[in-house]
Amino acid sequence: MAAPLQITCTNLSGKFALSNNARLNKFLSDNVDAMLALQGISWTIRTIVGLASVVLTIKSYTKDSTLHIDITTVVAGLDKTLEERTLNWTEAEHIDKIFGKCRHRARVVKARDFKMEGPGSAEDAAFLKAEKLKDGKTASRFLGDQLVQSYVESTGGPGWKAEQVWGFEMVGGERRYTRRVVVWKGGKEVRTRVVYDYKGEVKKG
């Protein structure tokens, strides 16, 4: 289902799925296997992610004048994970059940003000800004001017760096929540766009 207009990067509360339904998102998204492999994720976990539906429950709220986004991720066959992001571009550390020990920061940024934080190329920046698809040729664009920028570094061993930009795009004729991700490690890079299906509101409280 398309994301309603009231769901935005500053009002992101809702349920979103990366589904195996042939008309939905794993067939609209880029394959995530190469990205996960570069991040050191085992073949077993990558296989589970490739076969299972992934459901995000996102709660977006303001506390002390700062936007917060809490994300609970459920993948059938794996432990539930929780990410708590404070969108003030301040570094924080957390231990993820899949990705291990990480250091991250995030913020809301206007599309015209976006500057890539990671070590990548102009082509990486064009992909993150949704100017191009991962082939570097096909034109695309974000809808609206507000995006979420997230930068993460692995501090527990694998040594990768990743940058994400979240926004909304027209995909398959519908307004969809998307995440564009570039991962860098050891001179290699992988670009991936993930497209989500909106599954409805979340309960407050």
C-alpha atoms as a PDB file:
ATOM      1  CA  MET A   1       0.000   0.000   0.000  1.00  0.00           C
ATOM      2  CA  ALA A   2       1.195   3.506  -0.794  1.00  0.00           C
ATOM      3  CA  ALA A   3       2.289   5.720   2.099  1.00  0.00           C
ATOM      4  CA  PRO A   4      -0.339   8.403   2.814  1.00  0.00           C
ATOM      5  CA  LEU A   5       0.654  12.037   2.375  1.00  0.00           C
ATOM      6  CA  GLN A   6       0.635  12.688   6.139  1.00  0.00           C
ATOM      7  CA  ILE A   7       3.452  10.154   6.591  1.00  0.00           C
ATOM      8  CA  THR A   8       6.649  12.147   6.153  1.00  0.00           C
ATOM      9  CA  CYS A   9      10.249  12.096   7.375  1.00  0.00           C
ATOM     10  CA  THR A  10       9.228  14.176  10.405  1.00  0.00           C
ATOM     11  CA  ASN A  11       6.017  12.187  10.992  1.00  0.00           C
ATOM     12  CA  LEU A  12       7.150   8.656  10.212  1.00  0.00           C
ATOM     13  CA  SER A  13       5.121   6.637  12.716  1.00  0.00           C
ATOM     14  CA  GLY A  14       3.652   3.539  11.114  1.00  0.00           C
ATOM     15  CA  LYS A  15       4.273  -0.040  10.063  1.00  0.00           C
ATOM     16  CA  PHE A  16       6.294  -0.724   6.941  1.00  0.00           C
ATOM     17  CA  ALA A  17       7.084  -4.061   5.312  1.00  0.00           C
ATOM     18  CA  LEU A  18       9.678  -5.409   2.938  1.00  0.00           C
ATOM     19  CA  SER A  19       7.545  -8.203   1.542  1.00  0.00           C
ATOM     20  CA  ASN A  20       8.077 -11.293  -0.584  1.00  0.00           C
ATOM     21  CA  ASN A  21       4.779 -10.644  -2.364  1.00  0.00           C
ATOM     22  CA  ALA A  22       5.687 -10.592  -6.050  1.00  0.00           C
ATOM     23  CA  ARG A  23       3.907  -7.309  -6.639  1.00  0.00           C
ATOM     24  CA  LEU A  24       5.497  -5.646  -3.646  1.00  0.00           C
ATOM     25  CA  ASN A  25       8.776  -4.594  -2.256  1.00  0.00           C
ATOM     26  CA  LYS A  26      11.515  -7.183  -2.525  1.00  0.00           C
ATOM     27  CA  PHE A  27      10.787  -7.067  -6.234  1.00  0.00           C
ATOM     28  CA  LEU A  28      10.834  -3.259  -6.253  1.00  0.00           C
ATOM     29  CA  SER A  29      13.942  -3.028  -4.069  1.00  0.00           C
ATOM     30  CA  ASP A  30      17.540  -3.744  -4.986  1.00  0.00           C
ATOM     31  CA  ASN A  31      18.803  -7.095  -3.707  1.00  0.00           C
ATOM     32  CA  VAL A  32      20.280  -6.541  -0.229  1.00  0.00           C
ATOM     33  CA  ASP A  33      22.517  -9.634  -0.187  1.00  0.00           C
ATOM     34  CA  ALA A  34      25.677  -7.945  -1.512  1.00  0.00           C
ATOM     35  CA  MET A  35      25.275  -5.093   0.969  1.00  0.00           C
ATOM     36  CA  LEU A  36      24.885  -7.472   3.919  1.00  0.00           C
ATOM     37  CA  ALA A  37      27.823  -9.591   2.731  1.00  0.00           C
ATOM     38  CA  LEU A  38      30.076  -6.511   2.640  1.00  0.00           C
ATOM     39  CA  GLN A  39      28.992  -5.798   6.231  1.00  0.00           C
ATOM     40  CA  GLY A  40      30.169  -9.250   7.292  1.00  0.00           C
ATOM     41  CA  ILE A  41      26.740 -10.790   7.799  1.00  0.00           C
ATOM     42  CA  SER A  42      26.782 -14.592   7.619  1.00  0.00           C
ATOM     43  CA  TRP A  43      25.321 -16.561   4.719  1.00  0.00           C
ATOM     44  CA  THR A  44      22.733 -18.099   7.081  1.00  0.00           C
ATOM     45  CA  ILE A  45      21.355 -14.751   8.223  1.00  0.00           C
ATOM     46  CA  ARG A  46      21.464 -13.353   4.673  1.00  0.00           C
ATOM     47  CA  THR A  47      19.440 -16.332   3.484  1.00  0.00           C
ATOM     48  CA  ILE A  48      16.824 -15.813   6.198  1.00  0.00           C
ATOM     49  CA  VAL A  49      16.548 -12.112   5.325  1.00  0.00           C
ATOM     50  CA  GLY A  50      16.249 -13.010   1.646  1.00  0.00           C
ATOM     51  CA  LEU A  51      13.368 -15.410   2.232  1.00  0.00           C
ATOM     52  CA  ALA A  52      11.435 -13.772   5.086  1.00  0.00           C
ATOM     53  CA  SER A  53       9.250 -10.693   5.252  1.00  0.00           C
ATOM     54  CA  VAL A  54      10.806  -7.798   7.162  1.00  0.00           C
ATOM     55  CA  VAL A  55       8.471  -5.575   9.191  1.00  0.00           C
ATOM     56  CA  LEU A  56       9.439  -2.214  10.695  1.00  0.00           C
ATOM     57  CA  THR A  57       7.355  -0.614  13.424  1.00  0.00           C
ATOM     58  CA  ILE A  58       8.383   3.038  13.571  1.00  0.00           C
ATOM     59  CA  LYS A  59       7.485   5.486  16.322  1.00  0.00           C
ATOM     60  CA  SER A  60       8.351   9.108  15.615  1.00  0.00           C
ATOM     61  CA  TYR A  61       8.032  11.705  18.386  1.00  0.00           C
ATOM     62  CA  THR A  62       9.491  14.938  19.712  1.00  0.00           C
ATOM     63  CA  LYS A  63      11.153  15.087  23.130  1.00  0.00           C
ATOM     64  CA  ASP A  64      12.958  18.139  24.509  1.00  0.00           C
ATOM     65  CA  SER A  65      12.442  19.853  21.125  1.00  0.00           C
ATOM     66  CA  THR A  66      14.335  17.067  19.336  1.00  0.00           C
ATOM     67  CA  LEU A  67      12.896  14.536  16.936  1.00  0.00           C
ATOM     68  CA  HIS A  68      13.308  10.880  17.931  1.00  0.00           C
ATOM     69  CA  ILE A  69      12.664   7.796  15.819  1.00  0.00           C
ATOM     70  CA  ASP A  70      12.426   4.345  17.431  1.00  0.00           C
ATOM     71  CA  ILE A  71      12.392   1.383  15.050  1.00  0.00           C
ATOM     72  CA  THR A  72      11.507  -2.192  15.972  1.00  0.00           C
ATOM     73  CA  THR A  73      12.472  -4.653  13.232  1.00  0.00           C
ATOM     74  CA  VAL A  74      10.960  -8.135  13.029  1.00  0.00           C
ATOM     75  CA  VAL A  75      12.353 -10.751  10.637  1.00  0.00           C
ATOM     76  CA  ALA A  76      10.824 -14.220  10.863  1.00  0.00           C
ATOM     77  CA  GLY A  77      13.499 -16.584  12.158  1.00  0.00           C
ATOM     78  CA  LEU A  78      15.646 -13.876  13.793  1.00  0.00           C
ATOM     79  CA  ASP A  79      15.537 -11.991  17.085  1.00  0.00           C
ATOM     80  CA  LYS A  80      13.608  -8.729  17.150  1.00  0.00           C
ATOM     81  CA  THR A  81      15.861  -5.660  17.079  1.00  0.00           C
ATOM     82  CA  LEU A  82      15.355  -2.108  18.349  1.00  0.00           C
ATOM     83  CA  GLU A  83      17.034   1.063  17.064  1.00  0.00           C
ATOM     84  CA  GLU A  84      16.604   4.339  18.930  1.00  0.00           C
ATOM     85  CA  ARG A  85      17.717   7.373  16.949  1.00  0.00           C
ATOM     86  CA  THR A  86      17.937  10.960  18.169  1.00  0.00           C
ATOM     87  CA  LEU A  87      17.966  13.221  15.124  1.00  0.00           C
ATOM     88  CA  ASN A  88      20.389  15.875  16.352  1.00  0.00           C
ATOM     89  CA  TRP A  89      23.561  14.705  14.498  1.00  0.00           C
ATOM     90  CA  THR A  90      25.205  13.745  17.795  1.00  0.00           C
ATOM     91  CA  GLU A  91      27.226  10.520  17.874  1.00  0.00           C
ATOM     92  CA  ALA A  92      25.806   7.629  19.862  1.00  0.00           C
ATOM     93  CA  GLU A  93      26.824   4.006  20.242  1.00  0.00           C
ATOM     94  CA  HIS A  94      24.711   0.886  20.282  1.00  0.00           C
ATOM     95  CA  ILE A  95      25.076  -2.858  19.939  1.00  0.00           C
ATOM     96  CA  ASP A  96      22.905  -4.357  17.218  1.00  0.00           C
ATOM     97  CA  LYS A  97      21.980  -8.039  17.331  1.00  0.00           C
ATOM     98  CA  ILE A  98      22.882  -8.447  13.666  1.00  0.00           C
ATOM     99  CA  PHE A  99      25.465  -5.745  12.910  1.00  0.00           C
ATOM    100  CA  GLY A 100      27.301  -5.739  16.235  1.00  0.00           C
ATOM    101  CA  LYS A 101      28.826  -2.674  17.885  1.00  0.00           C
ATOM    102  CA  CYS A 102      28.203   0.529  15.933  1.00  0.00           C
ATOM    103  CA  ARG A 103      28.544   4.293  16.231  1.00  0.00           C
ATOM    104  CA  HIS A 104      25.872   6.371  14.510  1.00  0.00           C
ATOM    105  CA  ARG A 105      24.349   9.789  14.070  1.00  0.00           C
ATOM    106  CA  ALA A 106      21.245  11.023  12.259  1.00  0.00           C
ATOM    107  CA  ARG A 107      19.391  14.201  11.383  1.00  0.00           C
ATOM    108  CA  VAL A 108      16.651  15.690   9.264  1.00  0.00           C
ATOM    109  CA  VAL A 109      18.116  17.555   6.301  1.00  0.00           C
ATOM    110  CA  LYS A 110      16.641  19.484   3.406  1.00  0.00           C
ATOM    111  CA  ALA A 111      17.343  17.822   0.075  1.00  0.00           C
ATOM    112  CA  ARG A 112      19.058  20.933  -1.284  1.00  0.00           C
ATOM    113  CA  ASP A 113      21.388  21.059   1.757  1.00  0.00           C
ATOM    114  CA  PHE A 114      22.412  17.389   1.754  1.00  0.00           C
ATOM    115  CA  LYS A 115      26.144  16.685   1.843  1.00  0.00           C
ATOM    116  CA  MET A 116      27.438  13.139   1.928  1.00  0.00           C
ATOM    117  CA  GLU A 117      29.285  12.275   5.138  1.00  0.00           C
ATOM    118  CA  GLY A 118      30.888   9.061   3.927  1.00  0.00           C
ATOM    119  CA  PRO A 119      34.067   8.489   1.897  1.00  0.00           C
ATOM    120  CA  GLY A 120      32.362   7.783  -1.428  1.00  0.00           C
ATOM    121  CA  SER A 121      32.282   9.206  -4.930  1.00  0.00           C
ATOM    122  CA  ALA A 122      30.126  11.781  -6.694  1.00  0.00           C
ATOM    123  CA  GLU A 123      28.139   8.828  -8.059  1.00  0.00           C
ATOM    124  CA  ASP A 124      27.473   7.648  -4.490  1.00  0.00           C
ATOM    125  CA  ALA A 125      26.240  11.132  -3.558  1.00  0.00           C
ATOM    126  CA  ALA A 126      23.964  11.267  -6.620  1.00  0.00           C
ATOM    127  CA  PHE A 127      22.494   7.905  -5.630  1.00  0.00           C
ATOM    128  CA  LEU A 128      21.922   8.961  -2.009  1.00  0.00           C
ATOM    129  CA  LYS A 129      20.245  12.185  -3.160  1.00  0.00           C
ATOM    130  CA  ALA A 130      17.968  10.085  -5.422  1.00  0.00           C
ATOM    131  CA  GLU A 131      19.227  11.797  -8.557  1.00  0.00           C
ATOM    132  CA  LYS A 132      20.073   8.376 -10.044  1.00  0.00           C
ATOM    133  CA  LEU A 133      19.312   4.722  -9.459  1.00  0.00           C
ATOM    134  CA  LYS A 134      22.153   2.353  -8.562  1.00  0.00           C
ATOM    135  CA  ASP A 135      23.097   1.945 -12.234  1.00  0.00           C
ATOM    136  CA  GLY A 136      24.272   5.567 -12.164  1.00  0.00           C
ATOM    137  CA  LYS A 137      22.254   6.338 -15.300  1.00  0.00           C
ATOM    138  CA  THR A 138      18.513   6.102 -14.648  1.00  0.00           C
ATOM    139  CA  ALA A 139      17.048   9.369 -13.343  1.00  0.00           C
ATOM    140  CA  SER A 140      14.985   9.391 -10.156  1.00  0.00           C
ATOM    141  CA  ARG A 141      14.009  11.819  -7.401  1.00  0.00           C
ATOM    142  CA  PHE A 142      12.734  12.158  -3.854  1.00  0.00           C
ATOM    143  CA  LEU A 143       9.292  13.618  -3.282  1.00  0.00           C
ATOM    144  CA  GLY A 144       9.385  16.611  -0.941  1.00  0.00           C
ATOM    145  CA  ASP A 145      12.302  18.471   0.548  1.00  0.00           C
ATOM    146  CA  GLN A 146      12.818  16.859   3.962  1.00  0.00           C
ATOM    147  CA  LEU A 147      14.961  13.742   4.259  1.00  0.00           C
ATOM    148  CA  VAL A 148      16.570  11.739   7.063  1.00  0.00           C
ATOM    149  CA  GLN A 149      20.338  11.314   6.807  1.00  0.00           C
ATOM    150  CA  SER A 150      22.021   8.581   8.847  1.00  0.00           C
ATOM    151  CA  TYR A 151      25.719   7.736   9.067  1.00  0.00           C
ATOM    152  CA  VAL A 152      26.944   4.551  10.783  1.00  0.00           C
ATOM    153  CA  GLU A 153      30.379   3.072  11.408  1.00  0.00           C
ATOM    154  CA  SER A 154      31.067  -0.461  12.589  1.00  0.00           C
ATOM    155  CA  THR A 155      33.279  -0.311  15.674  1.00  0.00           C
ATOM    156  CA  GLY A 156      33.188  -3.990  16.603  1.00  0.00           C
ATOM    157  CA  GLY A 157      35.499  -5.497  13.997  1.00  0.00           C
ATOM    158  CA  PRO A 158      34.131  -5.597  10.415  1.00  0.00           C
ATOM    159  CA  GLY A 159      35.226  -2.017   9.741  1.00  0.00           C
ATOM    160  CA  TRP A 160      32.503  -0.928   7.339  1.00  0.00           C
ATOM    161  CA  LYS A 161      30.919   2.513   6.993  1.00  0.00           C
ATOM    162  CA  ALA A 162      27.383   3.123   5.791  1.00  0.00           C
ATOM    163  CA  GLU A 163      25.303   6.130   4.870  1.00  0.00           C
ATOM    164  CA  GLN A 164      21.540   6.114   4.470  1.00  0.00           C
ATOM    165  CA  VAL A 165      19.056   8.662   3.211  1.00  0.00           C
ATOM    166  CA  TRP A 166      15.369   8.067   3.896  1.00  0.00           C
ATOM    167  CA  GLY A 167      12.593   9.687   1.939  1.00  0.00           C
ATOM    168  CA  PHE A 168       9.621   9.052  -0.300  1.00  0.00           C
ATOM    169  CA  GLU A 169       9.633   8.219  -3.990  1.00  0.00           C
ATOM    170  CA  MET A 170       7.167   7.254  -6.689  1.00  0.00           C
ATOM    171  CA  VAL A 171       7.850   3.552  -7.255  1.00  0.00           C
ATOM    172  CA  GLY A 172       5.536   1.392  -9.306  1.00  0.00           C
ATOM    173  CA  GLY A 173       3.156   4.328  -9.597  1.00  0.00           C
ATOM    174  CA  GLU A 174       2.748   4.709  -5.816  1.00  0.00           C
ATOM    175  CA  ARG A 175       4.251   6.935  -3.130  1.00  0.00           C
ATOM    176  CA  ARG A 176       6.620   4.673  -1.196  1.00  0.00           C
ATOM    177  CA  TYR A 177       8.911   5.048   1.800  1.00  0.00           C
ATOM    178  CA  THR A 178      12.455   4.276   0.626  1.00  0.00           C
ATOM    179  CA  ARG A 179      15.926   4.011   2.076  1.00  0.00           C
ATOM    180  CA  ARG A 180      18.983   4.562  -0.078  1.00  0.00           C
ATOM    181  CA  VAL A 181      22.104   2.987   1.388  1.00  0.00           C
ATOM    182  CA  VAL A 182      25.770   3.011   0.427  1.00  0.00           C
ATOM    183  CA  VAL A 183      28.179   0.723   2.315  1.00  0.00           C
ATOM    184  CA  TRP A 184      31.964   1.115   2.059  1.00  0.00           C
ATOM    185  CA  LYS A 185      34.600  -1.367   3.210  1.00  0.00           C
ATOM    186  CA  GLY A 186      38.137  -2.152   2.111  1.00  0.00           C
ATOM    187  CA  GLY A 187      37.951  -0.146  -1.094  1.00  0.00           C
ATOM    188  CA  LYS A 188      34.651  -1.744  -2.088  1.00  0.00           C
ATOM    189  CA  GLU A 189      31.192  -0.162  -2.145  1.00  0.00           C
ATOM    190  CA  VAL A 190      27.619  -1.346  -2.578  1.00  0.00           C
ATOM    191  CA  ARG A 191      24.626   0.861  -3.357  1.00  0.00           C
ATOM    192  CA  THR A 192      21.155  -0.393  -2.448  1.00  0.00           C
ATOM    193  CA  ARG A 193      17.664   1.102  -2.565  1.00  0.00           C
ATOM    194  CA  VAL A 194      15.102  -0.530  -0.271  1.00  0.00           C
ATOM    195  CA  VAL A 195      11.414   0.107  -0.977  1.00  0.00           C
ATOM    196  CA  TYR A 196       8.798  -0.410   1.752  1.00  0.00           C
ATOM    197  CA  ASP A 197       5.075  -1.098   1.720  1.00  0.00           C
ATOM    198  CA  TYR A 198       3.009   0.960   4.170  1.00  0.00           C
ATOM    199  CA  LYS A 199       0.994  -1.362   6.435  1.00  0.00           C
ATOM    200  CA  GLY A 200      -0.871   1.112   8.635  1.00  0.00           C
ATOM    201  CA  GLU A 201      -0.743   3.085  11.850  1.00  0.00           C
ATOM    202  CA  VAL A 202       0.904   2.056  15.107  1.00  0.00           C
ATOM    203  CA  LYS A 203      -0.763   2.203  18.487  1.00  0.00           C
ATOM    204  CA  LYS A 204       0.173   5.217  20.556  1.00  0.00           C
ATOM    205  CA  GLY A 205       1.778   4.843  23.939  1.00  0.00           C
END
